[in-house]
Amino acid sequence: MKNKTMNQIIATGEATAILPAGDHVTPVTVIGTEAIRNTFDEVCIRQAINSRRAPGVSHVVLNPDGHLGYGAPIGCVMVSPSHIYPGPVGVDIKCSMSLLQLDLPADAIEDRRVRRELIMAVCNRIPTGAGRGARSVKHGRRVDTDVGRTLLAEGASADVCQALGIPPEWAARCEDSHHVGHDGTSVALAQRVEFHEEIGTFRDLRSKLQQIGSYGGGNHFGECEVVQIENNARARSVADTFGLRDGCVAFLSHCGSRGIGHNLAMHQFKTLQSKFAKWDIPLPGNDRELVYAPLGSDEGNAYIDDMSLGANFATLNHLVINLQVLEAFQQVFPGVKGDLVYFISHNIAREEVVENRKAWVHRKGATRAFPAGHHALKGTPYENTGHPILLPGNPQAGSAVMVADAGAALSCFSVNHGAGRVLGRKAAIRALDQQSIDKSFDDHDILTNCRQYPKDEAPAAYKDFEEVLRSVKLAGLASEVARLKARFVIKDGDAADD
């Protein structure tokens, strides 16, 4: 039976549709088959319409993973040439995916005892759980406070990479290795760090910096994978450019800017919300989480600076995690080598060219998808292929590495960031059976570090990943390059921090 929100969505193809948003505005672009569109509840639809009708917004895209978010749906793209919006970035600034490819054949980790040894080696280096940092694990990577201030301002600069022992070539495998301030400089960000230290935004910057190289809680994870490249000529050629190795072990990571990003985001929400109240400015859809600032205003500049600080921390968090993962594998398999395949965000606003004019593209639970020949990829290793797209599904269905097709122009060169939730956390905890969840992991021969796998993170809490991928392919947005099959998962049962 159809969801009643489906009556508002008008199909334009097998996996494309539009959602009218009212008079005088173009509709929301919807990506998803009928089965996927039926997963969008009333709140998700209302948030998409509110986002499209918000001041200065020119485009909104609702992706197959769309569900309730912070102001705007998670799984949406929101474009504005004139305004910046914190909600469609969210409280975990630059939550991202990264993939480390190892030169280790899959059969090397077939033995469950070997995987248990690897789990211990990883968990001794990378903390999980809200608020936990390097001091909470045996071999955590501690960061000097002065280096920490520099990385907030400079991101993965040559000096920062050298100070942290990160291979400098890894910076070139990042969607954005560094972010700059509103004026295009890192000086503005260094000044912003001083400002936040003076007013106490971070409470204890030194302690918060020790969260670098950590996963946090909620839906964040580390996952040991086996790479299975699609059996066609294009996929094999693209996989070669990406540095993927068929039948070898890889490691997929999902996390963001941790406590620093959360502090910065909440500071911005509180500041903007107080100004909206003081100046009696109408809120889009009467939603306090859809506050905004005009580009070029003091408020807009301050948000861009704070978002950039959080984004730079997230970048280094991922690079340090991948360094720690490589060291963990080398402890068990001396001499093993690993290279970063890619690092890509799904909670960020970036200035891009949309329909021949500059605009800020907000991706909330959405991933950039530039195809071969896109002007932004000129001079990069991905100029002739498109860049890697890392899409987590769930441990049992697998995850995917994709590459954008020309049709991605329909979605403002974006795709979904994963499967997307179909059950809220409380609903999942009420509805799902712990014993069945844990047995399902055992049946799939997937090990975890959890005594009990978190019920609100169980595969059944997420949408059908195959149908999500089918939507992306049928809409002409991207093609699959490889599937990643999980062998073990690093999770935490703490409440979500993103």
Protein backbone atom coordinates (compact mmCIF):
# COMPACT_ATOMS: atom_id res chain seq x y z
CA MET A 1 0.00 0.00 0.00
CA LYS A 2 1.30 3.43 -0.91
CA ASN A 3 2.57 5.87 1.70
CA LYS A 4 0.24 8.90 1.65
CA THR A 5 3.21 11.20 1.04
CA MET A 6 3.54 9.46 -2.34
CA ASN A 7 0.48 11.40 -3.50
CA GLN A 8 2.60 14.56 -3.42
CA ILE A 9 5.42 13.11 -5.55
CA ILE A 10 5.06 13.00 -9.34
CA ALA A 11 7.09 10.31 -11.12
CA THR A 12 9.11 11.42 -14.16
CA GLY A 13 10.89 8.11 -14.74
CA GLU A 14 11.48 4.74 -13.17
CA ALA A 15 13.79 6.24 -10.53
CA THR A 16 13.18 9.99 -10.87
CA ALA A 17 10.38 12.25 -9.73
CA ILE A 18 9.51 15.78 -8.67
CA LEU A 19 7.99 17.10 -5.48
CA PRO A 20 6.02 20.35 -6.01
CA ALA A 21 7.00 22.92 -3.40
CA GLY A 22 4.39 25.59 -4.06
CA ASP A 23 3.91 28.56 -6.32
CA HIS A 24 6.81 30.49 -7.85
CA VAL A 25 9.51 27.88 -7.06
CA THR A 26 10.73 24.95 -9.10
CA PRO A 27 9.97 21.54 -7.55
CA VAL A 28 12.28 19.39 -5.50
CA THR A 29 14.12 16.80 -7.60
CA VAL A 30 13.52 13.31 -6.20
CA ILE A 31 15.78 10.33 -6.88
CA GLY A 32 14.37 6.88 -6.11
CA THR A 33 12.24 4.04 -7.39
CA GLU A 34 8.63 3.79 -6.27
CA ALA A 35 9.70 1.42 -3.48
CA ILE A 36 12.24 3.96 -2.26
CA ARG A 37 9.89 6.93 -2.60
CA ASN A 38 7.46 5.08 -0.37
CA THR A 39 10.03 5.24 2.45
CA PHE A 40 9.86 9.05 2.65
CA ASP A 41 7.63 9.94 5.59
CA GLU A 42 5.64 13.15 6.07
CA VAL A 43 8.31 14.88 8.13
CA CYS A 44 10.98 14.18 5.49
CA ILE A 45 8.70 15.56 2.76
CA ARG A 46 7.86 18.64 4.81
CA GLN A 47 11.54 19.32 5.50
CA ALA A 48 12.34 19.03 1.77
CA ILE A 49 9.58 21.53 0.90
CA ASN A 50 10.64 23.92 3.67
CA SER A 51 14.21 23.75 2.40
CA ARG A 52 13.16 24.48 -1.18
CA ARG A 53 11.07 27.49 -0.11
CA ALA A 54 13.79 28.93 2.14
CA PRO A 55 15.30 32.33 1.16
CA GLY A 56 17.89 32.24 -1.60
CA VAL A 57 17.54 28.51 -2.34
CA SER A 58 17.61 27.62 -6.04
CA HIS A 59 17.66 23.79 -6.00
CA VAL A 60 16.83 20.96 -3.61
CA VAL A 61 17.42 17.28 -4.35
CA LEU A 62 15.99 14.47 -2.22
CA ASN A 63 18.13 11.35 -2.54
CA PRO A 64 17.08 7.70 -2.01
CA ASP A 65 18.45 7.68 1.55
CA GLY A 66 16.31 10.68 2.56
CA HIS A 67 14.94 10.74 6.11
CA LEU A 68 14.39 13.10 9.05
CA GLY A 69 17.31 15.47 9.59
CA TYR A 70 18.35 18.71 11.27
CA GLY A 71 16.23 21.33 9.50
CA ALA A 72 16.76 19.71 6.11
CA PRO A 73 16.40 15.97 5.46
CA ILE A 74 19.44 13.75 5.78
CA GLY A 75 20.00 12.66 2.20
CA CYS A 76 19.40 16.01 0.52
CA VAL A 77 21.23 18.61 -1.55
CA MET A 78 20.40 22.30 -1.13
CA VAL A 79 21.87 24.97 -3.41
CA SER A 80 22.00 28.72 -2.81
CA PRO A 81 23.96 31.42 -4.64
CA SER A 82 23.21 33.97 -1.92
CA HIS A 83 22.87 32.32 1.51
CA ILE A 84 24.63 29.84 3.79
CA TYR A 85 22.64 27.38 5.92
CA PRO A 86 24.03 25.49 8.96
CA GLY A 87 21.12 22.96 9.08
CA PRO A 88 21.88 21.35 5.71
CA VAL A 89 25.43 20.73 6.97
CA GLY A 90 24.42 19.51 10.42
CA VAL A 91 26.04 19.20 13.82
CA ASP A 92 28.75 16.75 12.71
CA ILE A 93 30.56 19.03 10.29
CA LYS A 94 32.20 17.09 7.45
CA CYS A 95 31.10 13.65 8.52
CA SER A 96 32.89 11.60 5.89
CA MET A 97 33.97 8.26 4.44
CA SER A 98 37.50 7.04 3.73
CA LEU A 99 38.87 3.82 2.28
CA LEU A 100 42.32 2.32 2.83
CA GLN A 101 43.46 -0.34 0.35
CA LEU A 102 45.91 -2.95 1.65
CA ASP A 103 48.11 -5.32 -0.37
CA LEU A 104 46.81 -8.24 1.68
CA PRO A 105 44.89 -11.11 0.03
CA ALA A 106 41.47 -11.95 1.44
CA ASP A 107 42.45 -15.46 2.50
CA ALA A 108 44.97 -13.97 4.96
CA ILE A 109 42.08 -12.94 7.23
CA GLU A 110 39.88 -16.00 6.75
CA ASP A 111 40.80 -17.40 10.17
CA ARG A 112 38.53 -15.91 12.85
CA ARG A 113 41.43 -15.84 15.33
CA VAL A 114 43.38 -13.58 12.97
CA ARG A 115 40.41 -11.24 12.67
CA ARG A 116 40.07 -11.14 16.46
CA GLU A 117 43.74 -10.19 16.69
CA LEU A 118 43.19 -7.41 14.15
CA ILE A 119 40.13 -6.14 16.03
CA MET A 120 42.21 -5.90 19.21
CA ALA A 121 45.05 -4.14 17.38
CA VAL A 122 42.65 -1.58 15.88
CA CYS A 123 40.75 -1.00 19.14
CA ASN A 124 44.03 -0.46 21.00
CA ARG A 125 44.71 2.46 18.68
CA ILE A 126 41.34 3.97 17.75
CA PRO A 127 38.86 4.95 20.47
CA THR A 128 35.11 4.54 20.02
CA GLY A 129 32.38 6.22 22.01
CA ALA A 130 31.19 9.78 22.53
CA GLY A 131 33.78 11.96 24.22
CA ARG A 132 36.58 9.38 24.14
CA GLY A 133 40.04 10.29 22.91
CA ALA A 134 43.63 9.07 22.67
CA ARG A 135 44.07 8.68 26.43
CA SER A 136 41.37 5.99 26.54
CA VAL A 137 43.29 3.44 24.42
CA LYS A 138 46.69 1.84 24.78
CA HIS A 139 48.27 3.13 21.58
CA GLY A 140 46.22 6.28 20.89
CA ARG A 141 47.82 9.05 18.84
CA ARG A 142 48.16 12.15 21.00
CA VAL A 143 48.35 15.56 19.35
CA ASP A 144 50.40 18.51 20.55
CA THR A 145 48.11 21.50 21.17
CA ASP A 146 50.11 23.82 18.89
CA VAL A 147 49.94 21.23 16.08
CA GLY A 148 46.23 20.95 16.79
CA ARG A 149 45.71 24.69 16.37
CA THR A 150 47.65 24.55 13.11
CA LEU A 151 45.64 21.65 11.68
CA LEU A 152 42.38 23.46 12.49
CA ALA A 153 43.59 26.40 10.38
CA GLU A 154 45.53 24.57 7.65
CA GLY A 155 43.96 21.12 7.30
CA ALA A 156 46.26 18.50 5.77
CA SER A 157 49.06 20.90 4.86
CA ALA A 158 52.56 19.54 4.25
CA ASP A 159 53.67 20.74 7.71
CA VAL A 160 50.70 19.14 9.48
CA CYS A 161 51.14 15.83 7.63
CA GLN A 162 54.83 15.79 8.53
CA ALA A 163 54.10 16.56 12.19
CA LEU A 164 51.57 13.72 12.42
CA GLY A 165 53.48 11.19 10.30
CA ILE A 166 50.83 11.11 7.57
CA PRO A 167 52.09 10.16 4.08
CA PRO A 168 51.97 13.45 2.13
CA GLU A 169 50.51 11.75 -0.95
CA TRP A 170 47.38 10.93 1.05
CA ALA A 171 46.41 14.61 0.98
CA ALA A 172 46.04 14.37 -2.81
CA ARG A 173 43.51 11.56 -2.30
CA CYS A 174 41.15 13.80 -0.36
CA GLU A 175 38.08 15.47 -1.80
CA ASP A 176 39.32 18.57 0.06
CA SER A 177 42.61 18.25 1.91
CA HIS A 178 42.11 21.66 3.49
CA HIS A 179 39.45 24.34 3.86
CA VAL A 180 40.08 28.08 4.02
CA GLY A 181 38.25 30.93 5.67
CA HIS A 182 35.62 33.22 4.19
CA ASP A 183 38.37 35.39 2.67
CA GLY A 184 40.19 32.47 1.07
CA THR A 185 42.99 32.35 3.67
CA SER A 186 44.04 30.14 6.55
CA VAL A 187 44.90 33.30 8.52
CA ALA A 188 41.19 33.96 9.04
CA LEU A 189 40.83 30.47 10.51
CA ALA A 190 43.80 30.90 12.85
CA GLN A 191 42.19 34.09 14.11
CA ARG A 192 38.89 32.28 14.54
CA VAL A 193 40.58 29.61 16.68
CA GLU A 194 41.89 32.38 18.96
CA PHE A 195 38.37 33.85 19.16
CA HIS A 196 36.85 30.54 20.20
CA GLU A 197 39.55 29.95 22.80
CA GLU A 198 38.84 33.39 24.27
CA ILE A 199 35.07 32.83 24.57
CA GLY A 200 35.37 29.19 25.69
CA THR A 201 33.55 27.49 22.80
CA PHE A 202 35.64 24.32 23.18
CA ARG A 203 35.78 24.45 27.00
CA ASP A 204 39.03 22.50 26.87
CA LEU A 205 40.66 22.64 23.43
CA ARG A 206 43.62 20.53 24.50
CA SER A 207 41.33 17.69 25.55
CA LYS A 208 39.10 17.98 22.47
CA LEU A 209 42.14 17.77 20.18
CA GLN A 210 42.94 14.35 21.67
CA GLN A 211 39.82 13.01 19.92
CA ILE A 212 41.71 13.06 16.65
CA GLY A 213 41.99 9.53 15.30
CA SER A 214 38.74 8.36 16.93
CA TYR A 215 35.38 7.09 15.65
CA GLY A 216 32.92 8.34 18.26
CA GLY A 217 29.55 6.64 18.62
CA GLY A 218 26.22 6.22 16.86
CA ASN A 219 26.44 5.31 13.19
CA HIS A 220 30.20 5.79 12.95
CA PHE A 221 32.30 2.71 12.29
CA GLY A 222 35.41 1.07 10.98
CA GLU A 223 34.94 -1.95 8.74
CA CYS A 224 37.40 -4.49 7.36
CA GLU A 225 36.39 -5.31 3.78
CA VAL A 226 37.19 -7.60 0.89
CA VAL A 227 37.16 -5.80 -2.47
CA GLN A 228 35.16 -7.35 -5.30
CA ILE A 229 35.57 -5.36 -8.55
CA GLU A 230 32.68 -5.48 -10.99
CA ASN A 231 33.29 -7.77 -13.97
CA ASN A 232 33.26 -5.29 -16.83
CA ALA A 233 35.94 -3.35 -18.69
CA ARG A 234 34.95 0.09 -17.46
CA ALA A 235 34.87 -0.96 -13.81
CA ARG A 236 38.26 -2.65 -14.07
CA SER A 237 39.80 0.42 -15.70
CA VAL A 238 38.29 2.83 -13.18
CA ALA A 239 39.27 0.57 -10.27
CA ASP A 240 42.86 0.65 -11.51
CA THR A 241 42.82 4.46 -11.45
CA PHE A 242 41.31 4.42 -7.96
CA GLY A 243 43.97 2.00 -6.71
CA LEU A 244 41.52 -0.78 -5.80
CA ARG A 245 42.82 -4.38 -5.62
CA ASP A 246 40.38 -7.15 -6.48
CA GLY A 247 40.24 -9.90 -3.86
CA CYS A 248 42.31 -7.94 -1.37
CA VAL A 249 41.59 -6.47 2.06
CA ALA A 250 40.54 -2.85 2.49
CA PHE A 251 39.32 -0.80 5.44
CA LEU A 252 36.33 1.57 5.31
CA SER A 253 35.87 4.32 7.92
CA HIS A 254 32.92 6.56 8.74
CA CYS A 255 33.26 9.46 11.19
CA GLY A 256 33.42 13.25 11.35
CA SER A 257 34.67 16.20 13.36
CA ARG A 258 33.85 14.79 16.80
CA GLY A 259 33.48 17.16 19.76
CA ILE A 260 35.17 20.09 18.06
CA GLY A 261 32.76 20.04 15.13
CA HIS A 262 29.79 19.66 17.45
CA ASN A 263 30.92 22.61 19.59
CA LEU A 264 31.35 24.81 16.51
CA ALA A 265 28.00 23.81 15.01
CA MET A 266 26.06 24.38 18.22
CA HIS A 267 27.75 27.74 18.73
CA GLN A 268 26.57 28.77 15.26
CA PHE A 269 23.00 27.52 15.76
CA LYS A 270 22.66 29.33 19.08
CA THR A 271 24.17 32.54 17.71
CA LEU A 272 21.98 32.64 14.61
CA GLN A 273 18.83 31.57 16.43
CA SER A 274 19.29 34.38 18.97
CA LYS A 275 19.68 36.92 16.17
CA PHE A 276 16.58 35.64 14.36
CA ALA A 277 14.66 36.05 17.62
CA LYS A 278 16.13 39.49 18.34
CA TRP A 279 15.42 40.81 14.83
CA ASP A 280 12.09 38.95 14.53
CA ILE A 281 13.07 37.27 11.24
CA PRO A 282 10.60 34.64 9.97
CA LEU A 283 11.97 31.09 10.03
CA PRO A 284 11.54 28.91 6.91
CA GLY A 285 8.68 26.55 7.70
CA ASN A 286 8.81 27.93 11.26
CA ASP A 287 11.80 25.61 11.82
CA ARG A 288 14.52 26.93 14.17
CA GLU A 289 16.99 24.54 12.56
CA LEU A 290 16.68 26.33 9.18
CA VAL A 291 18.37 29.54 10.29
CA TYR A 292 20.64 31.10 7.68
CA ALA A 293 22.93 34.02 6.90
CA PRO A 294 23.45 36.03 3.69
CA LEU A 295 26.79 35.42 2.01
CA GLY A 296 29.17 38.30 2.69
CA SER A 297 27.52 39.24 5.98
CA ASP A 298 29.43 39.04 9.26
CA GLU A 299 27.21 36.13 10.25
CA GLY A 300 27.76 34.33 6.96
CA ASN A 301 31.52 34.81 7.18
CA ALA A 302 31.58 33.53 10.75
CA TYR A 303 29.69 30.37 9.78
CA ILE A 304 31.97 29.64 6.82
CA ASP A 305 35.00 30.04 9.08
CA ASP A 306 33.60 27.76 11.77
CA MET A 307 32.48 25.15 9.27
CA SER A 308 35.98 25.20 7.77
CA LEU A 309 37.60 24.67 11.18
CA GLY A 310 35.40 21.65 11.84
CA ALA A 311 36.02 20.35 8.32
CA ASN A 312 39.79 20.58 8.72
CA PHE A 313 39.60 18.63 11.98
CA ALA A 314 37.45 15.95 10.31
CA THR A 315 40.00 15.59 7.50
CA LEU A 316 42.87 15.00 9.91
CA ASN A 317 40.72 12.73 12.04
CA HIS A 318 40.26 10.42 9.03
CA LEU A 319 43.89 10.57 7.96
CA VAL A 320 45.09 9.68 11.45
CA ILE A 321 42.52 6.86 11.68
CA ASN A 322 43.82 5.39 8.42
CA LEU A 323 47.39 5.70 9.66
CA GLN A 324 46.42 3.87 12.86
CA VAL A 325 44.56 1.17 10.91
CA LEU A 326 47.64 0.56 8.76
CA GLU A 327 49.82 0.28 11.87
CA ALA A 328 47.34 -2.21 13.38
CA PHE A 329 47.52 -4.43 10.29
CA GLN A 330 51.31 -4.15 10.28
CA GLN A 331 51.36 -5.39 13.87
CA VAL A 332 49.61 -8.59 12.76
CA PHE A 333 51.09 -8.75 9.23
CA PRO A 334 54.59 -7.20 9.30
CA GLY A 335 55.48 -5.55 6.00
CA VAL A 336 51.92 -5.09 4.74
CA LYS A 337 51.44 -1.87 2.76
CA GLY A 338 48.42 0.36 2.43
CA ASP A 339 47.35 3.37 0.39
CA LEU A 340 44.46 5.75 0.82
CA VAL A 341 41.94 5.26 -1.98
CA TYR A 342 39.85 8.36 -1.21
CA PHE A 343 38.36 10.54 1.51
CA ILE A 344 34.99 12.15 0.75
CA SER A 345 32.51 14.13 2.81
CA HIS A 346 28.74 13.95 3.10
CA ASN A 347 28.05 16.81 5.56
CA ILE A 348 29.51 19.97 4.04
CA ALA A 349 28.78 23.13 2.08
CA ARG A 350 31.12 23.90 -0.84
CA GLU A 351 31.25 26.69 -3.38
CA GLU A 352 30.74 25.14 -6.83
CA VAL A 353 29.44 26.11 -10.25
CA VAL A 354 25.79 25.14 -10.70
CA GLU A 355 24.16 25.90 -14.04
CA ASN A 356 26.94 28.33 -15.00
CA ARG A 357 26.96 30.40 -11.80
CA LYS A 358 28.73 30.10 -8.48
CA ALA A 359 26.64 28.84 -5.60
CA TRP A 360 27.06 27.16 -2.26
CA VAL A 361 26.08 23.50 -2.51
CA HIS A 362 25.00 22.11 0.85
CA ARG A 363 25.20 18.32 1.02
CA LYS A 364 23.52 16.86 4.10
CA GLY A 365 23.95 13.12 4.06
CA ALA A 366 24.82 13.50 0.38
CA THR A 367 28.06 12.91 -1.48
CA ARG A 368 29.73 14.85 -4.29
CA ALA A 369 29.58 13.04 -7.65
CA PHE A 370 31.69 14.64 -10.38
CA PRO A 371 31.92 12.52 -13.56
CA ALA A 372 34.75 12.26 -16.08
CA GLY A 373 35.42 15.57 -17.78
CA HIS A 374 33.99 17.72 -14.99
CA HIS A 375 35.92 21.00 -14.89
CA ALA A 376 36.65 20.66 -11.14
CA LEU A 377 38.61 17.44 -11.75
CA LYS A 378 40.98 18.92 -14.32
CA GLY A 379 44.57 18.16 -13.40
CA THR A 380 43.61 15.46 -10.87
CA PRO A 381 44.07 11.68 -11.24
CA TYR A 382 40.29 11.46 -11.77
CA GLU A 383 40.00 13.81 -14.75
CA ASN A 384 39.22 10.99 -17.18
CA THR A 385 37.23 8.71 -14.87
CA GLY A 386 35.41 10.75 -12.24
CA HIS A 387 36.41 10.50 -8.58
CA PRO A 388 35.64 7.62 -6.18
CA ILE A 389 32.24 7.66 -4.44
CA LEU A 390 32.18 5.69 -1.17
CA LEU A 391 28.69 4.47 -0.24
CA PRO A 392 28.21 2.44 2.96
CA GLY A 393 25.26 0.08 2.96
CA ASN A 394 25.34 -2.21 5.99
CA PRO A 395 27.83 -4.90 7.00
CA GLN A 396 25.66 -7.75 5.74
CA ALA A 397 24.57 -6.21 2.41
CA GLY A 398 28.01 -4.73 1.78
CA SER A 399 29.09 -1.26 0.71
CA ALA A 400 29.87 0.13 -2.73
CA VAL A 401 32.49 2.13 -4.56
CA MET A 402 30.84 4.00 -7.43
CA VAL A 403 31.80 6.54 -10.07
CA ALA A 404 29.57 9.32 -11.37
CA ASP A 405 27.98 9.33 -14.82
CA ALA A 406 27.03 12.38 -16.89
CA GLY A 407 23.45 12.07 -15.64
CA ALA A 408 24.59 13.28 -12.22
CA ALA A 409 23.93 16.81 -13.48
CA LEU A 410 20.27 16.09 -12.63
CA SER A 411 21.12 15.90 -8.92
CA CYS A 412 23.55 18.85 -8.84
CA PHE A 413 26.37 16.31 -9.17
CA SER A 414 25.47 14.51 -5.95
CA VAL A 415 24.34 11.07 -4.82
CA ASN A 416 23.12 9.58 -1.54
CA HIS A 417 25.64 8.99 1.25
CA GLY A 418 24.53 5.44 2.02
CA ALA A 419 21.39 3.42 2.64
CA GLY A 420 19.57 5.83 4.95
CA ARG A 421 17.51 4.95 8.00
CA VAL A 422 14.09 3.33 7.70
CA LEU A 423 13.63 2.98 11.46
CA GLY A 424 14.39 5.71 13.98
CA ARG A 425 16.73 4.76 16.81
CA LYS A 426 14.01 4.40 19.43
CA ALA A 427 11.79 2.45 17.03
CA ALA A 428 14.66 0.09 16.16
CA ILE A 429 15.42 -0.56 19.82
CA ARG A 430 11.75 -1.36 20.47
CA ALA A 431 11.16 -3.48 17.37
CA LEU A 432 14.33 -5.48 16.80
CA ASP A 433 15.45 -8.59 18.64
CA GLN A 434 18.99 -8.56 20.04
CA GLN A 435 19.52 -12.33 19.80
CA SER A 436 18.43 -12.38 16.14
CA ILE A 437 20.74 -9.46 15.31
CA ASP A 438 23.79 -11.08 16.87
CA LYS A 439 22.99 -14.45 15.26
CA SER A 440 22.71 -12.79 11.84
CA PHE A 441 26.28 -11.50 12.14
CA ASP A 442 27.49 -14.94 13.13
CA ASP A 443 25.60 -16.49 10.21
CA HIS A 444 27.36 -14.07 7.84
CA ASP A 445 30.74 -14.78 9.51
CA ILE A 446 31.17 -11.09 10.32
CA LEU A 447 32.95 -10.41 13.60
CA THR A 448 32.48 -7.25 15.69
CA ASN A 449 34.11 -5.67 18.71
CA CYS A 450 30.70 -5.38 20.40
CA ARG A 451 29.46 -7.69 23.10
CA GLN A 452 26.05 -7.03 21.59
CA TYR A 453 25.67 -5.25 18.26
CA PRO A 454 23.74 -1.97 18.80
CA LYS A 455 20.07 -2.58 17.99
CA ASP A 456 19.63 0.92 16.56
CA GLU A 457 22.50 0.24 14.13
CA ALA A 458 21.31 -3.20 12.98
CA PRO A 459 20.99 -3.74 9.21
CA ALA A 460 17.19 -3.89 9.54
CA ALA A 461 17.18 -0.27 10.78
CA TYR A 462 18.34 0.83 7.32
CA LYS A 463 16.75 0.88 3.88
CA ASP A 464 17.23 -1.89 1.31
CA PHE A 465 20.72 -1.08 0.00
CA GLU A 466 20.20 -2.94 -3.27
CA GLU A 467 17.11 -0.85 -4.02
CA VAL A 468 18.99 2.33 -3.11
CA LEU A 469 21.81 1.43 -5.52
CA ARG A 470 19.26 0.44 -8.17
CA SER A 471 17.74 3.92 -7.86
CA VAL A 472 21.10 5.60 -8.38
CA LYS A 473 21.87 3.47 -11.43
CA LEU A 474 18.41 3.76 -13.04
CA ALA A 475 18.47 7.54 -12.57
CA GLY A 476 21.76 7.63 -14.51
CA LEU A 477 23.72 9.24 -11.67
CA ALA A 478 26.52 6.71 -11.12
CA SER A 479 27.79 3.21 -11.86
CA GLU A 480 29.14 0.58 -9.50
CA VAL A 481 32.89 -0.05 -9.61
CA ALA A 482 33.29 -2.48 -6.72
CA ARG A 483 31.42 -4.05 -3.83
CA LEU A 484 32.98 -4.19 -0.37
CA LYS A 485 32.18 -7.29 1.70
CA ALA A 486 32.61 -6.89 5.48
CA ARG A 487 34.73 -9.34 7.51
CA PHE A 488 34.68 -7.44 10.81
CA VAL A 489 33.18 -4.24 12.19
CA ILE A 490 34.36 -1.75 14.82
CA LYS A 491 31.38 -0.01 16.47
CA ASP A 492 30.32 1.63 19.70
CA GLY A 493 26.98 1.34 21.44
CA ASP A 494 26.98 4.92 22.74
CA ALA A 495 24.31 7.40 21.67
CA ALA A 496 24.81 8.99 18.26
CA ASP A 497 27.00 12.11 18.18
CA ASP A 498 26.29 13.16 14.59
